PDB file of N, CA and C in Angstrom:
ATOM      1  N   MET A   1     166.288 -86.430 -47.938  1.00  0.00           N
ATOM      2  CA  MET A   1     165.966 -85.285 -47.317  1.00  0.00           C
ATOM      3  C   MET A   1     165.538 -85.390 -45.958  1.00  0.00           C
ATOM      4  N   SER A   2     164.883 -86.467 -45.555  1.00  0.00           N
ATOM      5  CA  SER A   2     164.698 -86.877 -44.507  1.00  0.00           C
ATOM      6  C   SER A   2     165.652 -86.707 -43.243  1.00  0.00           C
ATOM      7  N   ILE A   3     166.843 -86.947 -43.648  1.00  0.00           N
ATOM      8  CA  ILE A   3     167.955 -87.116 -42.723  1.00  0.00           C
ATOM      9  C   ILE A   3     168.499 -85.629 -42.436  1.00  0.00           C
ATOM     10  N   GLU A   4     168.364 -84.605 -43.483  1.00  0.00           N
ATOM     11  CA  GLU A   4     168.592 -83.209 -43.205  1.00  0.00           C
ATOM     12  C   GLU A   4     167.394 -82.736 -42.157  1.00  0.00           C
ATOM     13  N   VAL A   5     166.421 -83.024 -42.408  1.00  0.00           N
ATOM     14  CA  VAL A   5     165.241 -82.454 -41.748  1.00  0.00           C
ATOM     15  C   VAL A   5     165.308 -83.030 -40.285  1.00  0.00           C
ATOM     16  N   SER A   6     165.511 -84.321 -40.180  1.00  0.00           N
ATOM     17  CA  SER A   6     165.807 -84.659 -38.236  1.00  0.00           C
ATOM     18  C   SER A   6     167.028 -84.121 -37.987  1.00  0.00           C
ATOM     19  N   THR A   7     167.939 -84.114 -39.007  1.00  0.00           N
ATOM     20  CA  THR A   7     169.150 -83.609 -38.013  1.00  0.00           C
ATOM     21  C   THR A   7     169.052 -82.046 -37.686  1.00  0.00           C
ATOM     22  N   ARG A   8     168.342 -81.450 -38.508  1.00  0.00           N
ATOM     23  CA  ARG A   8     167.801 -79.680 -38.598  1.00  0.00           C
ATOM     24  C   ARG A   8     166.746 -79.860 -37.105  1.00  0.00           C
ATOM     25  N   ASP A   9     166.012 -80.645 -36.921  1.00  0.00           N
ATOM     26  CA  ASP A   9     164.940 -80.703 -35.696  1.00  0.00           C
ATOM     27  C   ASP A   9     165.692 -81.214 -34.691  1.00  0.00           C
ATOM     28  N   ALA A  10     166.488 -81.769 -34.640  1.00  0.00           N
ATOM     29  CA  ALA A  10     167.462 -82.323 -33.473  1.00  0.00           C
ATOM     30  C   ALA A  10     168.189 -81.317 -33.009  1.00  0.00           C
ATOM     31  N   MET A  11     168.758 -80.140 -34.007  1.00  0.00           N
ATOM     32  CA  MET A  11     169.921 -79.338 -33.520  1.00  0.00           C
ATOM     33  C   MET A  11     168.683 -78.252 -32.872  1.00  0.00           C
ATOM     34  N   ILE A  12     167.601 -78.200 -33.585  1.00  0.00           N
ATOM     35  CA  ILE A  12     166.484 -77.042 -32.912  1.00  0.00           C
ATOM     36  C   ILE A  12     166.398 -77.418 -31.483  1.00  0.00           C
ATOM     37  N   ALA A  13     166.070 -78.905 -31.138  1.00  0.00           N
ATOM     38  CA  ALA A  13     165.693 -79.588 -30.009  1.00  0.00           C
ATOM     39  C   ALA A  13     166.636 -79.261 -28.911  1.00  0.00           C
ATOM     40  N   ASP A  14     167.948 -79.468 -29.399  1.00  0.00           N
ATOM     41  CA  ASP A  14     169.181 -79.065 -28.508  1.00  0.00           C
ATOM     42  C   ASP A  14     169.459 -77.464 -28.239  1.00  0.00           C
ATOM     43  N   LEU A  15     169.232 -76.767 -29.096  1.00  0.00           N
ATOM     44  CA  LEU A  15     169.025 -75.295 -28.990  1.00  0.00           C
ATOM     45  C   LEU A  15     168.162 -74.658 -27.977  1.00  0.00           C
ATOM     46  N   GLU A  16     166.959 -75.492 -28.064  1.00  0.00           N
ATOM     47  CA  GLU A  16     165.873 -74.968 -27.346  1.00  0.00           C
ATOM     48  C   GLU A  16     166.056 -75.514 -25.924  1.00  0.00           C
ATOM     49  N   ARG A  17     166.671 -76.753 -25.555  1.00  0.00           N
ATOM     50  CA  ARG A  17     167.192 -77.331 -24.550  1.00  0.00           C
ATOM     51  C   ARG A  17     168.205 -76.186 -23.780  1.00  0.00           C
ATOM     52  N   GLN A  18     169.150 -75.900 -24.424  1.00  0.00           N
ATOM     53  CA  GLN A  18     170.411 -74.830 -24.063  1.00  0.00           C
ATOM     54  C   GLN A  18     169.663 -73.907 -23.641  1.00  0.00           C
ATOM     55  N   LEU A  19     168.558 -72.865 -24.242  1.00  0.00           N
ATOM     56  CA  LEU A  19     167.891 -72.063 -24.065  1.00  0.00           C
ATOM     57  C   LEU A  19     167.258 -72.042 -22.850  1.00  0.00           C
ATOM     58  N   ASN A  20     166.634 -73.223 -22.390  1.00  0.00           N
ATOM     59  CA  ASN A  20     165.898 -73.210 -21.126  1.00  0.00           C
ATOM     60  C   ASN A  20     166.913 -73.522 -20.391  1.00  0.00           C
ATOM     61  N   ASP A  21     167.950 -74.103 -20.121  1.00  0.00           N
ATOM     62  CA  ASP A  21     169.022 -74.076 -19.257  1.00  0.00           C
ATOM     63  C   ASP A  21     169.604 -72.843 -18.619  1.00  0.00           C
ATOM     64  N   LEU A  22     169.842 -71.896 -19.747  1.00  0.00           N
ATOM     65  CA  LEU A  22     170.049 -70.882 -19.630  1.00  0.00           C
ATOM     66  C   LEU A  22     169.322 -69.951 -18.783  1.00  0.00           C
ATOM     67  N   HIS A  23     167.988 -69.983 -19.167  1.00  0.00           N
ATOM     68  CA  HIS A  23     167.151 -69.302 -18.414  1.00  0.00           C
ATOM     69  C   HIS A  23     166.749 -69.769 -17.087  1.00  0.00           C
ATOM     70  N   ILE A  24     166.841 -70.924 -16.737  1.00  0.00           N
ATOM     71  CA  ILE A  24     166.947 -71.741 -15.391  1.00  0.00           C
ATOM     72  C   ILE A  24     168.279 -70.947 -14.676  1.00  0.00           C
ATOM     73  N   ALA A  25     169.376 -71.055 -15.499  1.00  0.00           N
ATOM     74  CA  ALA A  25     170.390 -70.500 -14.885  1.00  0.00           C
ATOM     75  C   ALA A  25     170.432 -69.031 -14.404  1.00  0.00           C
ATOM     76  N   HIS A  26     169.895 -68.408 -15.493  1.00  0.00           N
ATOM     77  CA  HIS A  26     169.819 -66.647 -15.186  1.00  0.00           C
ATOM     78  C   HIS A  26     168.774 -66.614 -13.767  1.00  0.00           C
ATOM     79  N   ASN A  27     167.913 -67.562 -13.716  1.00  0.00           N
ATOM     80  CA  ASN A  27     166.808 -67.091 -12.690  1.00  0.00           C
ATOM     81  C   ASN A  27     167.345 -67.339 -11.412  1.00  0.00           C
ATOM     82  N   ASN A  28     168.370 -68.564 -11.434  1.00  0.00           N
ATOM     83  CA  ASN A  28     169.095 -68.916 -10.389  1.00  0.00           C
ATOM     84  C   ASN A  28     170.063 -68.002  -9.802  1.00  0.00           C
ATOM     85  N   VAL A  29     170.794 -67.293 -10.814  1.00  0.00           N
ATOM     86  CA  VAL A  29     171.710 -66.300 -10.251  1.00  0.00           C
ATOM     87  C   VAL A  29     170.918 -64.991  -9.814  1.00  0.00           C
ATOM     88  N   GLN A  30     169.904 -64.680 -10.405  1.00  0.00           N
ATOM     89  CA  GLN A  30     168.804 -63.798 -10.014  1.00  0.00           C
ATOM     90  C   GLN A  30     168.440 -63.708  -8.372  1.00  0.00           C
ATOM     91  N   ASN A  31     168.168 -65.044  -8.204  1.00  0.00           N
ATOM     92  CA  ASN A  31     167.597 -65.330  -7.004  1.00  0.00           C
ATOM     93  C   ASN A  31     168.993 -65.555  -5.861  1.00  0.00           C
ATOM     94  N   GLU A  32     170.062 -65.646  -6.150  1.00  0.00           N
ATOM     95  CA  GLU A  32     171.165 -65.558  -5.555  1.00  0.00           C
ATOM     96  C   GLU A  32     171.599 -64.445  -5.351  1.00  0.00           C
ATOM     97  N   LEU A  33     171.730 -63.274  -6.116  1.00  0.00           N
ATOM     98  CA  LEU A  33     171.934 -61.681  -6.186  1.00  0.00           C
ATOM     99  C   LEU A  33     170.887 -61.170  -5.147  1.00  0.00           C
ATOM    100  N   ALA A  34     169.529 -61.425  -5.314  1.00  0.00           N
ATOM    101  CA  ALA A  34     168.546 -61.116  -4.532  1.00  0.00           C
ATOM    102  C   ALA A  34     169.024 -61.550  -2.878  1.00  0.00           C
ATOM    103  N   GLN A  35     169.241 -62.688  -2.987  1.00  0.00           N
ATOM    104  CA  GLN A  35     169.554 -63.187  -1.344  1.00  0.00           C
ATOM    105  C   GLN A  35     171.030 -62.568  -0.685  1.00  0.00           C
ATOM    106  N   THR A  36     171.729 -62.358  -1.633  1.00  0.00           N
ATOM    107  CA  THR A  36     173.062 -61.761  -1.124  1.00  0.00           C
ATOM    108  C   THR A  36     172.665 -59.943  -0.910  1.00  0.00           C
ATOM    109  N   ARG A  37     171.848 -59.690  -1.590  1.00  0.00           N
ATOM    110  CA  ARG A  37     171.640 -58.269  -1.400  1.00  0.00           C
ATOM    111  C   ARG A  37     170.852 -58.315   0.066  1.00  0.00           C
ATOM    112  N   ASP A  38     169.910 -59.076   0.158  1.00  0.00           N
ATOM    113  CA  ASP A  38     169.272 -59.072   1.636  1.00  0.00           C
ATOM    114  C   ASP A  38     170.201 -59.278   2.794  1.00  0.00           C
ATOM    115  N   GLU A  39     171.168 -60.098   2.519  1.00  0.00           N
ATOM    116  CA  GLU A  39     172.267 -60.389   3.738  1.00  0.00           C
ATOM    117  C   GLU A  39     173.129 -59.174   3.527  1.00  0.00           C
ATOM    118  N   LEU A  40     173.249 -58.541   2.506  1.00  0.00           N
ATOM    119  CA  LEU A  40     174.301 -57.265   2.883  1.00  0.00           C
ATOM    120  C   LEU A  40     173.651 -56.180   3.628  1.00  0.00           C
ATOM    121  N   GLU A  41     172.354 -56.238   3.046  1.00  0.00           N
ATOM    122  CA  GLU A  41     171.497 -55.275   3.787  1.00  0.00           C
ATOM    123  C   GLU A  41     171.242 -55.415   5.405  1.00  0.00           C
ATOM    124  N   GLU A  42     171.381 -56.686   5.871  1.00  0.00           N
ATOM    125  CA  GLU A  42     171.363 -57.155   7.271  1.00  0.00           C
ATOM    126  C   GLU A  42     172.633 -56.771   7.812  1.00  0.00           C
ATOM    127  N   VAL A  43     173.670 -57.137   7.280  1.00  0.00           N
ATOM    128  CA  VAL A  43     174.880 -56.866   7.721  1.00  0.00           C
ATOM    129  C   VAL A  43     175.032 -55.210   7.904  1.00  0.00           C
ATOM    130  N   HIS A  44     174.685 -54.460   6.993  1.00  0.00           N
ATOM    131  CA  HIS A  44     174.767 -53.091   7.040  1.00  0.00           C
ATOM    132  C   HIS A  44     173.738 -52.647   8.320  1.00  0.00           C
ATOM    133  N   SER A  45     172.879 -52.743   8.147  1.00  0.00           N
ATOM    134  CA  SER A  45     171.968 -52.634   9.498  1.00  0.00           C
ATOM    135  C   SER A  45     172.802 -52.677  10.790  1.00  0.00           C
ATOM    136  N   THR A  46     173.111 -54.262  10.964  1.00  0.00           N
ATOM    137  CA  THR A  46     174.093 -54.654  11.988  1.00  0.00           C
ATOM    138  C   THR A  46     175.187 -53.750  12.424  1.00  0.00           C
ATOM    139  N   LEU A  47     175.735 -53.304  11.229  1.00  0.00           N
ATOM    140  CA  LEU A  47     177.137 -52.503  11.329  1.00  0.00           C
ATOM    141  C   LEU A  47     176.861 -50.879  11.771  1.00  0.00           C
ATOM    142  N   GLU A  48     175.440 -50.474  11.056  1.00  0.00           N
ATOM    143  CA  GLU A  48     174.890 -49.200  11.521  1.00  0.00           C
ATOM    144  C   GLU A  48     174.719 -49.092  13.256  1.00  0.00           C
ATOM    145  N   HIS A  49     174.001 -50.337  13.768  1.00  0.00           N
ATOM    146  CA  HIS A  49     173.462 -50.377  14.893  1.00  0.00           C
ATOM    147  C   HIS A  49     174.690 -50.319  16.101  1.00  0.00           C
ATOM    148  N   ALA A  50     175.839 -51.261  15.543  1.00  0.00           N
ATOM    149  CA  ALA A  50     177.373 -51.398  16.383  1.00  0.00           C
ATOM    150  C   ALA A  50     177.896 -49.772  16.491  1.00  0.00           C
ATOM    151  N   ASN A  51     177.994 -49.158  15.172  1.00  0.00           N
ATOM    152  CA  ASN A  51     178.424 -47.672  15.261  1.00  0.00           C
ATOM    153  C   ASN A  51     177.473 -47.051  16.418  1.00  0.00           C
ATOM    154  N   ALA A  52     176.505 -47.066  16.243  1.00  0.00           N
ATOM    155  CA  ALA A  52     175.731 -46.110  17.012  1.00  0.00           C
ATOM    156  C   ALA A  52     176.022 -46.661  18.532  1.00  0.00           C
ATOM    157  N   MET A  53     175.776 -47.776  18.724  1.00  0.00           N
ATOM    158  CA  MET A  53     175.970 -48.248  20.283  1.00  0.00           C
ATOM    159  C   MET A  53     177.717 -47.676  20.713  1.00  0.00           C
ATOM    160  N   LEU A  54     178.548 -47.880  19.822  1.00  0.00           N
ATOM    161  CA  LEU A  54     180.120 -47.738  19.890  1.00  0.00           C
ATOM    162  C   LEU A  54     180.031 -46.212  20.367  1.00  0.00           C
ATOM    163  N   ALA A  55     179.252 -45.356  19.534  1.00  0.00           N
ATOM    164  CA  ALA A  55     179.274 -43.859  19.540  1.00  0.00           C
ATOM    165  C   ALA A  55     178.768 -43.435  20.883  1.00  0.00           C
ATOM    166  N   ALA A  56     177.710 -44.069  21.255  1.00  0.00           N
ATOM    167  CA  ALA A  56     176.861 -43.811  22.619  1.00  0.00           C
ATOM    168  C   ALA A  56     178.039 -44.236  23.640  1.00  0.00           C
ATOM    169  N   HIS A  57     178.886 -45.251  23.610  1.00  0.00           N
ATOM    170  CA  HIS A  57     179.629 -45.886  24.716  1.00  0.00           C
ATOM    171  C   HIS A  57     180.914 -44.767  24.734  1.00  0.00           C
ATOM    172  N   ASP A  58     181.278 -44.379  23.801  1.00  0.00           N
ATOM    173  CA  ASP A  58     182.430 -43.146  23.605  1.00  0.00           C
ATOM    174  C   ASP A  58     181.725 -42.049  24.241  1.00  0.00           C
ATOM    175  N   ALA A  59     180.657 -41.517  23.977  1.00  0.00           N
ATOM    176  CA  ALA A  59     180.086 -40.554  24.701  1.00  0.00           C
ATOM    177  C   ALA A  59     180.078 -40.536  26.127  1.00  0.00           C
ATOM    178  N   GLN A  60     179.581 -41.823  26.543  1.00  0.00           N
ATOM    179  CA  GLN A  60     179.481 -42.261  27.775  1.00  0.00           C
ATOM    180  C   GLN A  60     180.856 -41.967  28.728  1.00  0.00           C
ATOM    181  N   HIS A  61     181.784 -42.652  28.108  1.00  0.00           N
ATOM    182  CA  HIS A  61     183.083 -42.747  28.732  1.00  0.00           C
ATOM    183  C   HIS A  61     183.718 -41.222  28.696  1.00  0.00           C
ATOM    184  N   LEU A  62     183.370 -40.332  27.795  1.00  0.00           N
ATOM    185  CA  LEU A  62     184.042 -39.044  27.896  1.00  0.00           C
ATOM    186  C   LEU A  62     183.294 -38.308  28.855  1.00  0.00           C
ATOM    187  N   LEU A  63     182.028 -38.367  29.228  1.00  0.00           N
ATOM    188  CA  LEU A  63     181.234 -37.545  30.280  1.00  0.00           C
ATOM    189  C   LEU A  63     181.767 -38.292  31.579  1.00  0.00           C
ATOM    190  N   GLU A  64     182.236 -39.411  31.703  1.00  0.00           N
ATOM    191  CA  GLU A  64     182.453 -40.106  32.677  1.00  0.00           C
ATOM    192  C   GLU A  64     183.909 -39.328  33.140  1.00  0.00           C
ATOM    193  N   GLN A  65     185.119 -39.304  31.905  1.00  0.00           N
ATOM    194  CA  GLN A  65     186.345 -38.543  32.217  1.00  0.00           C
ATOM    195  C   GLN A  65     185.938 -37.141  32.768  1.00  0.00           C
ATOM    196  N   GLU A  66     185.260 -36.587  32.016  1.00  0.00           N
ATOM    197  CA  GLU A  66     184.913 -35.032  32.209  1.00  0.00           C
ATOM    198  C   GLU A  66     184.615 -34.802  34.007  1.00  0.00           C
ATOM    199  N   GLY A  67     183.645 -35.901  34.058  1.00  0.00           N
ATOM    200  CA  GLY A  67     183.190 -36.080  35.609  1.00  0.00           C
ATOM    201  C   GLY A  67     184.085 -36.298  36.535  1.00  0.00           C
ATOM    202  N   GLU A  68     185.124 -37.002  36.302  1.00  0.00           N
ATOM    203  CA  GLU A  68     186.534 -37.340  37.159  1.00  0.00           C
ATOM    204  C   GLU A  68     187.410 -36.234  37.308  1.00  0.00           C
ATOM    205  N   GLN A  69     187.534 -35.588  35.973  1.00  0.00           N
ATOM    206  CA  GLN A  69     188.466 -34.514  36.091  1.00  0.00           C
ATOM    207  C   GLN A  69     187.731 -33.335  36.773  1.00  0.00           C
ATOM    208  N   GLY A  70     186.705 -32.952  37.128  1.00  0.00           N
ATOM    209  CA  GLY A  70     185.883 -31.841  37.959  1.00  0.00           C
ATOM    210  C   GLY A  70     185.736 -30.610  36.771  1.00  0.00           C
ATOM    211  N   GLU A  71     185.091 -29.545  37.255  1.00  0.00           N
ATOM    212  CA  GLU A  71     184.931 -28.742  36.309  1.00  0.00           C
ATOM    213  C   GLU A  71     186.216 -27.642  36.307  1.00  0.00           C
ATOM    214  N   GLY A  72     186.449 -27.063  35.234  1.00  0.00           N
ATOM    215  CA  GLY A  72     187.523 -26.083  35.353  1.00  0.00           C
ATOM    216  C   GLY A  72     188.994 -27.097  35.031  1.00  0.00           C
ATOM    217  N   GLU A  73     189.124 -28.062  34.933  1.00  0.00           N
ATOM    218  CA  GLU A  73     190.218 -28.826  34.547  1.00  0.00           C
ATOM    219  C   GLU A  73     190.471 -29.418  33.328  1.00  0.00           C
ATOM    220  N   ALA A  74     191.403 -29.008  32.778  1.00  0.00           N
ATOM    221  CA  ALA A  74     191.642 -29.582  31.217  1.00  0.00           C
ATOM    222  C   ALA A  74     192.194 -30.952  31.095  1.00  0.00           C
ATOM    223  N   PRO A  75     191.722 -31.855  30.428  1.00  0.00           N
ATOM    224  CA  PRO A  75     191.693 -33.401  30.189  1.00  0.00           C
ATOM    225  C   PRO A  75     193.276 -33.339  30.072  1.00  0.00           C
ATOM    226  N   ASP A  76     193.747 -34.369  30.502  1.00  0.00           N
ATOM    227  CA  ASP A  76     195.188 -35.117  30.269  1.00  0.00           C
ATOM    228  C   ASP A  76     194.879 -35.212  28.698  1.00  0.00           C
ATOM    229  N   SER A  77     196.166 -34.794  28.056  1.00  0.00           N
ATOM    230  CA  SER A  77     196.203 -35.310  26.469  1.00  0.00           C
ATOM    231  C   SER A  77     197.426 -35.145  26.042  1.00  0.00           C
ATOM    232  N   ASP A  78     197.814 -36.178  25.350  1.00  0.00           N
ATOM    233  CA  ASP A  78     198.761 -36.531  24.708  1.00  0.00           C
ATOM    234  C   ASP A  78     199.535 -35.571  23.219  1.00  0.00           C
ATOM    235  N   MET A  79     198.160 -34.773  22.947  1.00  0.00           N
ATOM    236  CA  MET A  79     198.210 -33.863  21.881  1.00  0.00           C
ATOM    237  C   MET A  79     199.073 -32.814  22.217  1.00  0.00           C
ATOM    238  N   ASP A  80     199.632 -32.476  21.045  1.00  0.00           N
ATOM    239  CA  ASP A  80     200.508 -31.166  21.209  1.00  0.00           C
ATOM    240  C   ASP A  80     199.828 -29.742  21.679  1.00  0.00           C
ATOM    241  N   THR A  81     200.082 -28.913  21.892  1.00  0.00           N
ATOM    242  CA  THR A  81     199.179 -27.783  22.439  1.00  0.00           C
ATOM    243  C   THR A  81     199.627 -26.686  21.050  1.00  0.00           C
ATOM    244  N   GLU A  82     198.743 -25.498  21.133  1.00  0.00           N
ATOM    245  CA  GLU A  82     199.030 -24.772  19.754  1.00  0.00           C
ATOM    246  C   GLU A  82     200.613 -24.340  19.796  1.00  0.00           C
ATOM    247  N   ASP A  83     201.233 -24.151  21.102  1.00  0.00           N
ATOM    248  CA  ASP A  83     202.240 -23.470  21.085  1.00  0.00           C
ATOM    249  C   ASP A  83     203.672 -24.409  20.394  1.00  0.00           C
ATOM    250  N   ASP A  84     203.286 -25.728  20.465  1.00  0.00           N
ATOM    251  CA  ASP A  84     203.926 -26.691  20.098  1.00  0.00           C
ATOM    252  C   ASP A  84     203.745 -27.108  18.555  1.00  0.00           C
ATOM    253  N   MET A  85     202.838 -26.501  18.088  1.00  0.00           N
ATOM    254  CA  MET A  85     202.478 -26.754  16.775  1.00  0.00           C
ATOM    255  C   MET A  85     203.366 -25.806  15.815  1.00  0.00           C
ATOM    256  N   PRO A  86     203.938 -26.308  14.477  1.00  0.00           N
ATOM    257  CA  PRO A  86     204.579 -25.455  13.876  1.00  0.00           C
ATOM    258  C   PRO A  86     203.709 -24.257  13.230  1.00  0.00           C
ATOM    259  N   PRO A  87     204.148 -23.258  12.497  1.00  0.00           N
ATOM    260  CA  PRO A  87     203.005 -22.581  11.591  1.00  0.00           C
ATOM    261  C   PRO A  87     202.817 -23.012  10.503  1.00  0.00           C
ATOM    262  N   LEU A  88     201.448 -22.467  10.438  1.00  0.00           N
ATOM    263  CA  LEU A  88     200.882 -22.888   8.783  1.00  0.00           C
ATOM    264  C   LEU A  88     201.390 -22.366   7.834  1.00  0.00           C
ATOM    265  N   PRO A  89     201.496 -22.962   6.783  1.00  0.00           N
ATOM    266  CA  PRO A  89     202.338 -22.375   5.478  1.00  0.00           C
ATOM    267  C   PRO A  89     201.368 -21.131   5.284  1.00  0.00           C
ATOM    268  N   ALA A  90     201.834 -20.484   4.494  1.00  0.00           N
ATOM    269  CA  ALA A  90     201.172 -19.038   3.537  1.00  0.00           C
ATOM    270  C   ALA A  90     200.225 -19.644   2.751  1.00  0.00           C
ATOM    271  N   PRO A  91     199.104 -19.174   2.655  1.00  0.00           N
ATOM    272  CA  PRO A  91     197.890 -19.566   1.894  1.00  0.00           C
ATOM    273  C   PRO A  91     198.627 -19.175   0.657  1.00  0.00           C
ATOM    274  N   PRO A  92     198.037 -19.908  -0.645  1.00  0.00           N
ATOM    275  CA  PRO A  92     198.609 -19.983  -2.239  1.00  0.00           C
ATOM    276  C   PRO A  92     198.254 -18.313  -2.448  1.00  0.00           C
ATOM    277  N   SER A  93     198.665 -18.058  -3.314  1.00  0.00           N
ATOM    278  CA  SER A  93     198.479 -16.613  -4.207  1.00  0.00           C
ATOM    279  C   SER A  93     197.039 -16.512  -4.782  1.00  0.00           C
ATOM    280  N   PRO A  94     195.994 -15.764  -4.504  1.00  0.00           N
ATOM    281  CA  PRO A  94     194.959 -15.749  -5.444  1.00  0.00           C
ATOM    282  C   PRO A  94     195.056 -15.849  -6.678  1.00  0.00           C
ATOM    283  N   MET A  95     196.242 -15.363  -7.257  1.00  0.00           N
ATOM    284  CA  MET A  95     196.580 -15.234  -8.789  1.00  0.00           C
ATOM    285  C   MET A  95     196.971 -16.491  -9.269  1.00  0.00           C
ATOM    286  N   GLY A  96     197.717 -17.526  -8.497  1.00  0.00           N
ATOM    287  CA  GLY A  96     198.061 -18.580  -9.198  1.00  0.00           C
ATOM    288  C   GLY A  96     199.438 -18.435  -8.994  1.00  0.00           C
ATOM    289  N   SER A  97     200.391 -19.457  -9.570  1.00  0.00           N
ATOM    290  CA  SER A  97     201.626 -19.278  -9.631  1.00  0.00           C
ATOM    291  C   SER A  97     202.011 -18.638 -11.097  1.00  0.00           C
ATOM    292  N   GLU A  98     201.145 -18.822 -11.820  1.00  0.00           N
ATOM    293  CA  GLU A  98     201.612 -18.005 -13.176  1.00  0.00           C
ATOM    294  C   GLU A  98     201.288 -16.634 -13.431  1.00  0.00           C
ATOM    295  N   ALA A  99     200.552 -16.133 -12.114  1.00  0.00           N
ATOM    296  CA  ALA A  99     200.682 -14.612 -12.136  1.00  0.00           C
ATOM    297  C   ALA A  99     201.702 -13.818 -12.137  1.00  0.00           C
ATOM    298  N   THR A 100     202.074 -12.916 -13.107  1.00  0.00           N
ATOM    299  CA  THR A 100     203.257 -11.917 -13.119  1.00  0.00           C
ATOM    300  C   THR A 100     203.061 -10.663 -13.304  1.00  0.00           C
ATOM    301  N   ALA A 101     203.681  -9.784 -13.670  1.00  0.00           N
ATOM    302  CA  ALA A 101     203.271  -8.357 -13.649  1.00  0.00           C
ATOM    303  C   ALA A 101     203.087  -8.144 -15.368  1.00  0.00           C
ATOM    304  N   ASN A 102     203.535  -9.083 -15.980  1.00  0.00           N
ATOM    305  CA  ASN A 102     203.131  -8.800 -17.382  1.00  0.00           C
ATOM    306  C   ASN A 102     201.325  -9.208 -17.619  1.00  0.00           C
ATOM    307  N   ASN A 103     201.291 -10.060 -16.756  1.00  0.00           N
ATOM    308  CA  ASN A 103     199.497 -10.653 -17.452  1.00  0.00           C
ATOM    309  C   ASN A 103     198.435  -9.973 -16.542  1.00  0.00           C
ATOM    310  N   LEU A 104     199.260  -9.320 -15.399  1.00  0.00           N
ATOM    311  CA  LEU A 104     198.308  -8.507 -14.655  1.00  0.00           C
ATOM    312  C   LEU A 104     197.466  -7.427 -15.141  1.00  0.00           C
ATOM    313  N   ASP A 105     197.529  -7.105 -16.174  1.00  0.00           N
ATOM    314  CA  ASP A 105     196.943  -6.086 -16.973  1.00  0.00           C
ATOM    315  C   ASP A 105     195.437  -6.430 -17.629  1.00  0.00           C
ATOM    316  N   ASP A 106     195.667  -7.991 -17.531  1.00  0.00           N
ATOM    317  CA  ASP A 106     194.239  -8.730 -18.175  1.00  0.00           C
ATOM    318  C   ASP A 106     193.278  -8.266 -17.068  1.00  0.00           C
ATOM    319  N   PHE A 107     193.504  -8.191 -16.018  1.00  0.00           N
ATOM    320  CA  PHE A 107     192.477  -8.236 -14.466  1.00  0.00           C
ATOM    321  C   PHE A 107     191.831  -6.806 -14.573  1.00  0.00           C
TER     322      PHE A 107
END
């Protein structure tokens, strides 16, 4: 019986070591996730700042262009004018495509 007890005790000790190793690995992963989250927040903040700077630069560039063209002059544009655009399609029927004379009585 002593062999069975020592085998069982060895198995328990091994399982306890494995559990301890899993706890350590879990804590390491949590720490890495927290560090990654902090890094992502820093990158996000940097991107927001860069976006704001780019928007300010674009706004300044537009103001400079307007100043160069003078008041009352339309800016040069490669975009089509309203006259060049095809007409918009007709809006969909408010009844939907299934509305017919037969089911109009329901309304």
